[in-house]
């Protein structure tokens, strides 16, 4: 061990900053792990998107296309040509919704609820 470097019980300022960030990420993860809080987050993002964009017009324009390919290309094109705030909100909704779906499936698998659907009928 280096003679000049003595271990201390005190953390440096950079170590404290790193620990604050780690605790914040753990706190956010714990909040988002709850389906209720994640759902509230998605609803909040949809509400904010509704303040910036007319969701009624978006719904009308998407439903005007008949097949899924044109709906997807329209959605991608409209997302590409919108404000950066709306893009961030839309990406946040997708990421948060995916996170909720992943955690919900994981919770259902852990609880053994899926075994009810896999049971075969006797006889």
C-alpha atoms as a PDB file:
ATOM      1  CA  UNK A   1       0.000   0.000   0.000  1.00  0.00           C
ATOM      2  CA  UNK A   2       1.234   3.481  -0.807  1.00  0.00           C
ATOM      3  CA  UNK A   3       2.649   5.316   2.197  1.00  0.00           C
ATOM      4  CA  UNK A   4       1.254   8.685   1.063  1.00  0.00           C
ATOM      5  CA  UNK A   5      -2.261   7.387   0.501  1.00  0.00           C
ATOM      6  CA  UNK A   6      -3.927   6.635   3.821  1.00  0.00           C
ATOM      7  CA  UNK A   7      -7.512   5.345   3.831  1.00  0.00           C
ATOM      8  CA  UNK A   8      -9.873   7.606   5.721  1.00  0.00           C
ATOM      9  CA  UNK A   9     -13.464   7.334   6.851  1.00  0.00           C
ATOM     10  CA  UNK A  10     -14.333  10.601   5.153  1.00  0.00           C
ATOM     11  CA  UNK A  11     -15.492  10.610   1.562  1.00  0.00           C
ATOM     12  CA  UNK A  12     -14.181  13.122  -0.927  1.00  0.00           C
ATOM     13  CA  UNK A  13     -16.510  15.621  -2.565  1.00  0.00           C
ATOM     14  CA  UNK A  14     -16.564  13.670  -5.830  1.00  0.00           C
ATOM     15  CA  UNK A  15     -17.410  10.453  -3.971  1.00  0.00           C
ATOM     16  CA  UNK A  16     -20.271  12.218  -2.199  1.00  0.00           C
ATOM     17  CA  UNK A  17     -21.586  13.496  -5.536  1.00  0.00           C
ATOM     18  CA  UNK A  18     -21.412  10.002  -7.018  1.00  0.00           C
ATOM     19  CA  UNK A  19     -23.276   8.565  -4.022  1.00  0.00           C
ATOM     20  CA  UNK A  20     -25.988  11.238  -4.354  1.00  0.00           C
ATOM     21  CA  UNK A  21     -26.476  10.253  -7.993  1.00  0.00           C
ATOM     22  CA  UNK A  22     -26.585   6.551  -7.157  1.00  0.00           C
ATOM     23  CA  UNK A  23     -29.183   7.175  -4.440  1.00  0.00           C
ATOM     24  CA  UNK A  24     -31.262   9.295  -6.831  1.00  0.00           C
ATOM     25  CA  UNK A  25     -31.238   6.572  -9.497  1.00  0.00           C
ATOM     26  CA  UNK A  26     -32.191   3.968  -6.874  1.00  0.00           C
ATOM     27  CA  UNK A  27     -35.011   6.227  -5.643  1.00  0.00           C
ATOM     28  CA  UNK A  28     -36.372   6.769  -9.160  1.00  0.00           C
ATOM     29  CA  UNK A  29     -36.131   3.037  -9.889  1.00  0.00           C
ATOM     30  CA  UNK A  30     -38.026   2.219  -6.683  1.00  0.00           C
ATOM     31  CA  UNK A  31     -40.768   4.691  -7.617  1.00  0.00           C
ATOM     32  CA  UNK A  32     -41.063   3.417 -11.181  1.00  0.00           C
ATOM     33  CA  UNK A  33     -41.105  -0.183 -10.017  1.00  0.00           C
ATOM     34  CA  UNK A  34     -44.602   0.460  -8.705  1.00  0.00           C
ATOM     35  CA  UNK A  35     -47.151   0.107 -11.533  1.00  0.00           C
ATOM     36  CA  UNK A  36     -49.287   2.812  -9.946  1.00  0.00           C
ATOM     37  CA  UNK A  37     -46.553   5.427  -9.886  1.00  0.00           C
ATOM     38  CA  UNK A  38     -45.455   4.493 -13.401  1.00  0.00           C
ATOM     39  CA  UNK A  39     -49.039   4.771 -14.601  1.00  0.00           C
ATOM     40  CA  UNK A  40     -49.365   8.173 -12.976  1.00  0.00           C
ATOM     41  CA  UNK A  41     -46.129   9.175 -14.726  1.00  0.00           C
ATOM     42  CA  UNK A  42     -47.484   8.061 -18.118  1.00  0.00           C
ATOM     43  CA  UNK A  43     -50.757   9.901 -17.535  1.00  0.00           C
ATOM     44  CA  UNK A  44     -48.831  13.017 -16.525  1.00  0.00           C
ATOM     45  CA  UNK A  45     -46.742  12.850 -19.703  1.00  0.00           C
ATOM     46  CA  UNK A  46     -49.884  12.405 -21.810  1.00  0.00           C
ATOM     47  CA  UNK A  47     -51.426  15.411 -20.045  1.00  0.00           C
ATOM     48  CA  UNK A  48     -48.334  17.520 -20.774  1.00  0.00           C
ATOM     49  CA  UNK A  49     -48.381  16.331 -24.392  1.00  0.00           C
ATOM     50  CA  UNK A  50     -52.039  17.364 -24.593  1.00  0.00           C
ATOM     51  CA  UNK A  51     -51.083  20.866 -23.482  1.00  0.00           C
ATOM     52  CA  UNK A  52     -48.518  21.159 -26.279  1.00  0.00           C
ATOM     53  CA  UNK A  53     -50.225  19.190 -29.070  1.00  0.00           C
ATOM     54  CA  UNK A  54     -53.872  18.771 -30.043  1.00  0.00           C
ATOM     55  CA  UNK A  55     -54.384  15.084 -29.274  1.00  0.00           C
ATOM     56  CA  UNK A  56     -57.763  15.152 -31.036  1.00  0.00           C
ATOM     57  CA  UNK A  57     -56.092  16.152 -34.307  1.00  0.00           C
ATOM     58  CA  UNK A  58     -53.400  13.508 -33.839  1.00  0.00           C
ATOM     59  CA  UNK A  59     -56.057  10.830 -33.290  1.00  0.00           C
ATOM     60  CA  UNK A  60     -58.023  11.965 -36.346  1.00  0.00           C
ATOM     61  CA  UNK A  61     -54.939  11.992 -38.582  1.00  0.00           C
ATOM     62  CA  UNK A  62     -53.733   8.578 -37.455  1.00  0.00           C
ATOM     63  CA  UNK A  63     -57.166   6.991 -37.899  1.00  0.00           C
ATOM     64  CA  UNK A  64     -57.442   8.495 -41.401  1.00  0.00           C
ATOM     65  CA  UNK A  65     -54.917   5.925 -42.650  1.00  0.00           C
ATOM     66  CA  UNK A  66     -56.311   2.489 -43.333  1.00  0.00           C
ATOM     67  CA  UNK A  67     -53.356   0.128 -42.953  1.00  0.00           C
ATOM     68  CA  UNK A  68     -50.812  -0.229 -40.159  1.00  0.00           C
ATOM     69  CA  UNK A  69     -47.826   0.461 -42.413  1.00  0.00           C
ATOM     70  CA  UNK A  70     -49.074   3.897 -43.399  1.00  0.00           C
ATOM     71  CA  UNK A  71     -50.073   4.652 -39.802  1.00  0.00           C
ATOM     72  CA  UNK A  72     -46.569   3.792 -38.628  1.00  0.00           C
ATOM     73  CA  UNK A  73     -44.871   5.847 -41.358  1.00  0.00           C
ATOM     74  CA  UNK A  74     -47.204   8.802 -40.659  1.00  0.00           C
ATOM     75  CA  UNK A  75     -46.507   8.598 -36.933  1.00  0.00           C
ATOM     76  CA  UNK A  76     -42.760   8.408 -37.475  1.00  0.00           C
ATOM     77  CA  UNK A  77     -42.821  11.311 -39.936  1.00  0.00           C
ATOM     78  CA  UNK A  78     -44.944  13.493 -37.670  1.00  0.00           C
ATOM     79  CA  UNK A  79     -42.706  12.738 -34.687  1.00  0.00           C
ATOM     80  CA  UNK A  80     -39.656  13.614 -36.763  1.00  0.00           C
ATOM     81  CA  UNK A  81     -41.069  16.997 -37.805  1.00  0.00           C
ATOM     82  CA  UNK A  82     -42.330  18.182 -34.427  1.00  0.00           C
ATOM     83  CA  UNK A  83     -40.771  20.204 -31.619  1.00  0.00           C
ATOM     84  CA  UNK A  84     -38.013  18.674 -29.511  1.00  0.00           C
ATOM     85  CA  UNK A  85     -40.211  18.926 -26.396  1.00  0.00           C
ATOM     86  CA  UNK A  86     -42.916  16.807 -27.998  1.00  0.00           C
ATOM     87  CA  UNK A  87     -40.317  14.292 -29.167  1.00  0.00           C
ATOM     88  CA  UNK A  88     -38.935  13.992 -25.635  1.00  0.00           C
ATOM     89  CA  UNK A  89     -42.441  13.553 -24.181  1.00  0.00           C
ATOM     90  CA  UNK A  90     -43.317  10.870 -26.745  1.00  0.00           C
ATOM     91  CA  UNK A  91     -40.076   8.992 -26.141  1.00  0.00           C
ATOM     92  CA  UNK A  92     -40.657   9.296 -22.383  1.00  0.00           C
ATOM     93  CA  UNK A  93     -44.138   7.805 -22.731  1.00  0.00           C
ATOM     94  CA  UNK A  94     -42.787   4.865 -24.743  1.00  0.00           C
ATOM     95  CA  UNK A  95     -39.891   4.210 -22.353  1.00  0.00           C
ATOM     96  CA  UNK A  96     -42.012   4.539 -19.217  1.00  0.00           C
ATOM     97  CA  UNK A  97     -44.792   2.405 -20.705  1.00  0.00           C
ATOM     98  CA  UNK A  98     -42.280  -0.291 -21.676  1.00  0.00           C
ATOM     99  CA  UNK A  99     -40.782  -0.204 -18.203  1.00  0.00           C
ATOM    100  CA  UNK A 100     -44.230  -0.650 -16.634  1.00  0.00           C
ATOM    101  CA  UNK A 101     -45.065  -3.510 -19.001  1.00  0.00           C
ATOM    102  CA  UNK A 102     -41.748  -5.263 -18.277  1.00  0.00           C
ATOM    103  CA  UNK A 103     -42.191  -4.937 -14.500  1.00  0.00           C
ATOM    104  CA  UNK A 104     -45.818  -6.096 -14.679  1.00  0.00           C
ATOM    105  CA  UNK A 105     -44.903  -9.225 -16.637  1.00  0.00           C
ATOM    106  CA  UNK A 106     -42.045  -9.927 -14.233  1.00  0.00           C
ATOM    107  CA  UNK A 107     -44.393  -9.539 -11.248  1.00  0.00           C
ATOM    108  CA  UNK A 108     -47.001 -11.843 -12.789  1.00  0.00           C
ATOM    109  CA  UNK A 109     -44.377 -14.482 -13.500  1.00  0.00           C
ATOM    110  CA  UNK A 110     -43.024 -14.292  -9.952  1.00  0.00           C
ATOM    111  CA  UNK A 111     -46.481 -14.630  -8.433  1.00  0.00           C
ATOM    112  CA  UNK A 112     -47.191 -17.859 -10.321  1.00  0.00           C
ATOM    113  CA  UNK A 113     -50.387 -16.429 -11.778  1.00  0.00           C
ATOM    114  CA  UNK A 114     -49.416 -17.655 -15.243  1.00  0.00           C
ATOM    115  CA  UNK A 115     -49.710 -21.250 -14.047  1.00  0.00           C
ATOM    116  CA  UNK A 116     -53.489 -20.805 -14.066  1.00  0.00           C
ATOM    117  CA  UNK A 117     -53.383 -20.285 -17.829  1.00  0.00           C
ATOM    118  CA  UNK A 118     -51.044 -23.217 -18.442  1.00  0.00           C
ATOM    119  CA  UNK A 119     -53.152 -25.823 -16.660  1.00  0.00           C
ATOM    120  CA  UNK A 120     -54.567 -28.538 -18.864  1.00  0.00           C
ATOM    121  CA  UNK A 121     -58.064 -29.839 -18.520  1.00  0.00           C
ATOM    122  CA  UNK A 122     -58.344 -33.283 -17.102  1.00  0.00           C
ATOM    123  CA  UNK A 123     -60.382 -35.830 -18.966  1.00  0.00           C
END
